Amino acid sequence: MMDEKPPVTFLRYILSKEFTFTKRHLGIVLLLIGGLGFVGILAIDVLNAGREGGIGPAQTAALGLMFLTALVGLSLIPLGDMPA
């Protein structure tokens, strides 16, 4: 019988020494975190509609932080395949 290697899985490839995390990868991850966080914070406010006060200072700060995270991610995507 031949010695066949098992197929390389995506996770195994990412954890290997040959994988390089690029600025594009980092930008996409930060954009997703910022975008999903922003939408999640707004969804929390909509789902708690019976609560008084609307968006408070802590939520405003969190929305600003998520927006900045998404903006940094968006600025990293055009840098392409340079190592992060």
Foldseek 3Di string as FASTA:
>chain_A
DDDDDDDQDPVNVCPDPVDFCFLLNQLVVLLVQLVVQLVVLVVVQVVVVVDPDGQDPVSVVSNVVSVVSNVSSVVSNVVPGHGD
